[in-house]
């Protein structure tokens, strides 16, 4: 949350001449606001809808921005194995200003920055295991992060051998 997945993803897609999908936007398009889904049906229901959105987005191809909790689903992680995955990180000091005033369901009820940090620390091993590479979005212009990702994406994939 707050790392810039949508902003960076959209720019990377444009630079690569590829399509762009955001799984959160797919869920909202098909089912309504995420906050309402959490309140009415709970997180488990939302995660099932999110899993379907991931299948749709990956099926389209191009650049896909996943919601921050999408990789919690084992089937999603399995599907990501066939794709190149970028992890965007952001420092706790910077994220506080990015998430301030947001209506993120998982950050309600307490200090959002503290809640974000707990969620990030819980998920970090899963994020790192799913990712092929990571880029930090804490400082500098997003255009630099976009350029670095595009450069990486254009490199030929190297197959690992056992």
C-alpha atoms as a PDB file:
ATOM      1  CA  UNK A   1       0.000   0.000   0.000  1.00  0.00           C
ATOM      2  CA  UNK A   2       1.261   3.418  -0.934  1.00  0.00           C
ATOM      3  CA  UNK A   3       4.232   2.228  -3.001  1.00  0.00           C
ATOM      4  CA  UNK A   4       2.843   3.611  -6.267  1.00  0.00           C
ATOM      5  CA  UNK A   5       1.801   0.385  -8.017  1.00  0.00           C
ATOM      6  CA  UNK A   6      -0.860   2.019 -10.150  1.00  0.00           C
ATOM      7  CA  UNK A   7       1.105   5.158 -11.045  1.00  0.00           C
ATOM      8  CA  UNK A   8       4.290   3.268 -11.837  1.00  0.00           C
ATOM      9  CA  UNK A   9       2.482   0.406 -13.568  1.00  0.00           C
ATOM     10  CA  UNK A  10       0.568   2.736 -15.859  1.00  0.00           C
ATOM     11  CA  UNK A  11       3.779   4.549 -16.868  1.00  0.00           C
ATOM     12  CA  UNK A  12       5.713   1.311 -17.382  1.00  0.00           C
ATOM     13  CA  UNK A  13       2.938  -0.028 -19.615  1.00  0.00           C
ATOM     14  CA  UNK A  14       2.950   3.171 -21.678  1.00  0.00           C
ATOM     15  CA  UNK A  15       6.752   3.036 -22.074  1.00  0.00           C
ATOM     16  CA  UNK A  16       6.611  -0.620 -23.145  1.00  0.00           C
ATOM     17  CA  UNK A  17       3.634  -0.105 -25.467  1.00  0.00           C
ATOM     18  CA  UNK A  18       1.701  -2.639 -23.408  1.00  0.00           C
ATOM     19  CA  UNK A  19      -1.767  -2.726 -21.896  1.00  0.00           C
ATOM     20  CA  UNK A  20      -2.303  -1.934 -18.217  1.00  0.00           C
ATOM     21  CA  UNK A  21      -4.660  -3.529 -15.703  1.00  0.00           C
ATOM     22  CA  UNK A  22      -5.179  -2.764 -12.027  1.00  0.00           C
ATOM     23  CA  UNK A  23      -6.831  -5.595 -10.099  1.00  0.00           C
ATOM     24  CA  UNK A  24      -8.361  -3.228  -7.538  1.00  0.00           C
ATOM     25  CA  UNK A  25     -10.023  -1.284 -10.352  1.00  0.00           C
ATOM     26  CA  UNK A  26     -11.354  -4.528 -11.853  1.00  0.00           C
ATOM     27  CA  UNK A  27     -12.918  -5.465  -8.504  1.00  0.00           C
ATOM     28  CA  UNK A  28     -14.474  -1.999  -8.161  1.00  0.00           C
ATOM     29  CA  UNK A  29     -15.756  -2.115 -11.753  1.00  0.00           C
ATOM     30  CA  UNK A  30     -17.454  -5.467 -11.208  1.00  0.00           C
ATOM     31  CA  UNK A  31     -18.500  -5.320  -7.551  1.00  0.00           C
ATOM     32  CA  UNK A  32     -18.378  -1.773  -6.184  1.00  0.00           C
ATOM     33  CA  UNK A  33     -16.096   0.067  -3.750  1.00  0.00           C
ATOM     34  CA  UNK A  34     -13.565  -2.061  -1.906  1.00  0.00           C
ATOM     35  CA  UNK A  35     -14.383  -0.488   1.458  1.00  0.00           C
ATOM     36  CA  UNK A  36     -18.058  -1.417   0.987  1.00  0.00           C
ATOM     37  CA  UNK A  37     -17.108  -4.990   0.085  1.00  0.00           C
ATOM     38  CA  UNK A  38     -15.002  -5.304   3.240  1.00  0.00           C
ATOM     39  CA  UNK A  39     -17.782  -3.897   5.415  1.00  0.00           C
ATOM     40  CA  UNK A  40     -20.602  -5.933   3.880  1.00  0.00           C
ATOM     41  CA  UNK A  41     -18.870  -9.247   3.230  1.00  0.00           C
ATOM     42  CA  UNK A  42     -15.480  -9.280   4.968  1.00  0.00           C
ATOM     43  CA  UNK A  43     -11.919  -9.656   3.796  1.00  0.00           C
ATOM     44  CA  UNK A  44     -12.215 -13.318   2.732  1.00  0.00           C
ATOM     45  CA  UNK A  45     -14.980 -12.451   0.257  1.00  0.00           C
ATOM     46  CA  UNK A  46     -12.966  -9.547  -1.091  1.00  0.00           C
ATOM     47  CA  UNK A  47      -9.889 -11.784  -1.534  1.00  0.00           C
ATOM     48  CA  UNK A  48     -11.952 -14.248  -3.604  1.00  0.00           C
ATOM     49  CA  UNK A  49     -13.087 -11.403  -5.870  1.00  0.00           C
ATOM     50  CA  UNK A  50      -9.511 -10.162  -6.040  1.00  0.00           C
ATOM     51  CA  UNK A  51      -8.298 -13.638  -7.082  1.00  0.00           C
ATOM     52  CA  UNK A  52     -10.773 -13.587  -9.989  1.00  0.00           C
ATOM     53  CA  UNK A  53      -9.572 -10.111 -10.975  1.00  0.00           C
ATOM     54  CA  UNK A  54      -5.974 -11.358 -11.004  1.00  0.00           C
ATOM     55  CA  UNK A  55      -6.930 -14.223 -13.330  1.00  0.00           C
ATOM     56  CA  UNK A  56      -8.638 -11.743 -15.672  1.00  0.00           C
ATOM     57  CA  UNK A  57      -5.750  -9.264 -15.627  1.00  0.00           C
ATOM     58  CA  UNK A  58      -3.023 -11.869 -16.141  1.00  0.00           C
ATOM     59  CA  UNK A  59      -5.083 -13.361 -18.961  1.00  0.00           C
ATOM     60  CA  UNK A  60      -5.091 -10.015 -20.765  1.00  0.00           C
ATOM     61  CA  UNK A  61      -1.328  -9.730 -20.525  1.00  0.00           C
ATOM     62  CA  UNK A  62       0.613  -6.508 -20.350  1.00  0.00           C
ATOM     63  CA  UNK A  63       1.465  -4.779 -17.087  1.00  0.00           C
ATOM     64  CA  UNK A  64      -0.679  -5.661 -14.079  1.00  0.00           C
ATOM     65  CA  UNK A  65      -0.836  -3.807 -10.760  1.00  0.00           C
ATOM     66  CA  UNK A  66      -1.907  -6.186  -8.016  1.00  0.00           C
ATOM     67  CA  UNK A  67      -3.597  -5.086  -4.833  1.00  0.00           C
ATOM     68  CA  UNK A  68      -1.230  -5.298  -1.868  1.00  0.00           C
ATOM     69  CA  UNK A  69      -2.890  -8.410  -0.466  1.00  0.00           C
ATOM     70  CA  UNK A  70      -3.292 -10.326  -3.723  1.00  0.00           C
ATOM     71  CA  UNK A  71      -0.138 -12.384  -3.202  1.00  0.00           C
ATOM     72  CA  UNK A  72      -1.518 -13.751   0.056  1.00  0.00           C
ATOM     73  CA  UNK A  73      -3.497 -16.193  -2.079  1.00  0.00           C
ATOM     74  CA  UNK A  74      -1.471 -19.343  -2.886  1.00  0.00           C
ATOM     75  CA  UNK A  75      -3.160 -19.775  -6.287  1.00  0.00           C
ATOM     76  CA  UNK A  76      -2.271 -16.211  -7.219  1.00  0.00           C
ATOM     77  CA  UNK A  77       1.350 -16.791  -6.211  1.00  0.00           C
ATOM     78  CA  UNK A  78       1.367 -19.943  -8.332  1.00  0.00           C
ATOM     79  CA  UNK A  79      -0.015 -18.046 -11.338  1.00  0.00           C
ATOM     80  CA  UNK A  80       2.585 -15.315 -10.885  1.00  0.00           C
ATOM     81  CA  UNK A  81       5.313 -17.930 -11.328  1.00  0.00           C
ATOM     82  CA  UNK A  82       4.760 -17.729 -15.084  1.00  0.00           C
ATOM     83  CA  UNK A  83       5.249 -13.933 -15.116  1.00  0.00           C
ATOM     84  CA  UNK A  84       7.958 -11.409 -14.348  1.00  0.00           C
ATOM     85  CA  UNK A  85       7.105  -9.777 -11.027  1.00  0.00           C
ATOM     86  CA  UNK A  86       8.309  -6.421  -9.731  1.00  0.00           C
ATOM     87  CA  UNK A  87       8.034  -5.521  -6.054  1.00  0.00           C
ATOM     88  CA  UNK A  88       7.703  -1.811  -5.322  1.00  0.00           C
ATOM     89  CA  UNK A  89       8.809  -0.831  -1.842  1.00  0.00           C
ATOM     90  CA  UNK A  90       8.494   2.388   0.113  1.00  0.00           C
ATOM     91  CA  UNK A  91       9.944   3.426   3.455  1.00  0.00           C
ATOM     92  CA  UNK A  92       7.674   3.757   6.469  1.00  0.00           C
ATOM     93  CA  UNK A  93       8.658   7.422   6.784  1.00  0.00           C
ATOM     94  CA  UNK A  94       7.477   8.201   3.249  1.00  0.00           C
ATOM     95  CA  UNK A  95       4.356   6.032   3.200  1.00  0.00           C
ATOM     96  CA  UNK A  96       2.741   7.994   6.037  1.00  0.00           C
ATOM     97  CA  UNK A  97       2.253  11.010   3.767  1.00  0.00           C
ATOM     98  CA  UNK A  98       1.020   8.844   0.890  1.00  0.00           C
ATOM     99  CA  UNK A  99      -1.683   7.027   2.837  1.00  0.00           C
ATOM    100  CA  UNK A 100      -2.836   9.955   4.977  1.00  0.00           C
ATOM    101  CA  UNK A 101      -6.555  10.525   4.442  1.00  0.00           C
ATOM    102  CA  UNK A 102      -6.975   7.380   2.318  1.00  0.00           C
ATOM    103  CA  UNK A 103     -10.008   5.192   2.767  1.00  0.00           C
ATOM    104  CA  UNK A 104      -8.115   1.889   2.910  1.00  0.00           C
ATOM    105  CA  UNK A 105     -10.131  -0.722   4.832  1.00  0.00           C
ATOM    106  CA  UNK A 106      -7.117  -2.465   6.342  1.00  0.00           C
ATOM    107  CA  UNK A 107      -5.776   0.792   7.806  1.00  0.00           C
ATOM    108  CA  UNK A 108      -8.853   1.845   9.753  1.00  0.00           C
ATOM    109  CA  UNK A 109      -9.212   1.959  13.497  1.00  0.00           C
ATOM    110  CA  UNK A 110      -5.678   2.958  14.516  1.00  0.00           C
ATOM    111  CA  UNK A 111      -2.672   4.959  13.387  1.00  0.00           C
ATOM    112  CA  UNK A 112      -2.571   4.145   9.640  1.00  0.00           C
ATOM    113  CA  UNK A 113       1.217   4.318   9.399  1.00  0.00           C
ATOM    114  CA  UNK A 114       1.681   1.897  12.302  1.00  0.00           C
ATOM    115  CA  UNK A 115      -0.925  -0.483  10.868  1.00  0.00           C
ATOM    116  CA  UNK A 116       0.737  -0.235   7.433  1.00  0.00           C
ATOM    117  CA  UNK A 117       4.103  -1.150   8.964  1.00  0.00           C
ATOM    118  CA  UNK A 118       2.668  -4.213  10.726  1.00  0.00           C
ATOM    119  CA  UNK A 119       0.944  -5.394   7.549  1.00  0.00           C
ATOM    120  CA  UNK A 120       4.091  -4.821   5.493  1.00  0.00           C
ATOM    121  CA  UNK A 121       6.309  -6.705   7.942  1.00  0.00           C
ATOM    122  CA  UNK A 122       3.858  -9.640   7.950  1.00  0.00           C
ATOM    123  CA  UNK A 123       3.681  -9.759   4.162  1.00  0.00           C
ATOM    124  CA  UNK A 124       7.278  -8.901   3.265  1.00  0.00           C
ATOM    125  CA  UNK A 125       8.546 -12.515   3.059  1.00  0.00           C
ATOM    126  CA  UNK A 126       5.683 -13.372   0.688  1.00  0.00           C
ATOM    127  CA  UNK A 127       6.286 -10.252  -1.422  1.00  0.00           C
ATOM    128  CA  UNK A 128       9.994 -10.996  -1.675  1.00  0.00           C
ATOM    129  CA  UNK A 129       9.433 -14.653  -2.558  1.00  0.00           C
ATOM    130  CA  UNK A 130       6.994 -13.734  -5.345  1.00  0.00           C
ATOM    131  CA  UNK A 131       9.169 -10.982  -6.833  1.00  0.00           C
ATOM    132  CA  UNK A 132      11.916 -11.290  -9.403  1.00  0.00           C
ATOM    133  CA  UNK A 133      13.253  -7.822  -8.555  1.00  0.00           C
ATOM    134  CA  UNK A 134      12.453  -4.908  -6.248  1.00  0.00           C
ATOM    135  CA  UNK A 135      12.549  -1.147  -6.720  1.00  0.00           C
ATOM    136  CA  UNK A 136      12.145   1.445  -3.986  1.00  0.00           C
ATOM    137  CA  UNK A 137       9.808   4.368  -4.658  1.00  0.00           C
ATOM    138  CA  UNK A 138      10.649   6.352  -1.514  1.00  0.00           C
ATOM    139  CA  UNK A 139      12.749   9.067  -3.113  1.00  0.00           C
ATOM    140  CA  UNK A 140      13.504  10.617  -6.440  1.00  0.00           C
ATOM    141  CA  UNK A 141      11.120  11.050  -9.308  1.00  0.00           C
ATOM    142  CA  UNK A 142       8.840   8.154 -10.227  1.00  0.00           C
ATOM    143  CA  UNK A 143      10.153   8.547 -13.770  1.00  0.00           C
ATOM    144  CA  UNK A 144      13.493   7.122 -12.598  1.00  0.00           C
ATOM    145  CA  UNK A 145      11.793   4.049 -11.115  1.00  0.00           C
ATOM    146  CA  UNK A 146       9.806   3.660 -14.339  1.00  0.00           C
ATOM    147  CA  UNK A 147      12.996   3.877 -16.442  1.00  0.00           C
ATOM    148  CA  UNK A 148      14.726   1.283 -14.263  1.00  0.00           C
ATOM    149  CA  UNK A 149      11.791  -1.121 -14.510  1.00  0.00           C
ATOM    150  CA  UNK A 150      11.498  -0.660 -18.281  1.00  0.00           C
ATOM    151  CA  UNK A 151      15.226  -1.323 -18.689  1.00  0.00           C
ATOM    152  CA  UNK A 152      14.910  -4.467 -16.583  1.00  0.00           C
ATOM    153  CA  UNK A 153      11.765  -5.629 -18.420  1.00  0.00           C
ATOM    154  CA  UNK A 154      13.440  -5.276 -21.813  1.00  0.00           C
ATOM    155  CA  UNK A 155      16.339  -7.504 -20.800  1.00  0.00           C
ATOM    156  CA  UNK A 156      16.002 -11.085 -21.982  1.00  0.00           C
ATOM    157  CA  UNK A 157      14.873 -13.484 -19.300  1.00  0.00           C
ATOM    158  CA  UNK A 158      17.566 -15.870 -18.153  1.00  0.00           C
ATOM    159  CA  UNK A 159      16.331 -19.391 -17.501  1.00  0.00           C
ATOM    160  CA  UNK A 160      17.628 -20.952 -14.307  1.00  0.00           C
ATOM    161  CA  UNK A 161      19.224 -24.340 -14.674  1.00  0.00           C
ATOM    162  CA  UNK A 162      19.485 -26.973 -11.993  1.00  0.00           C
END
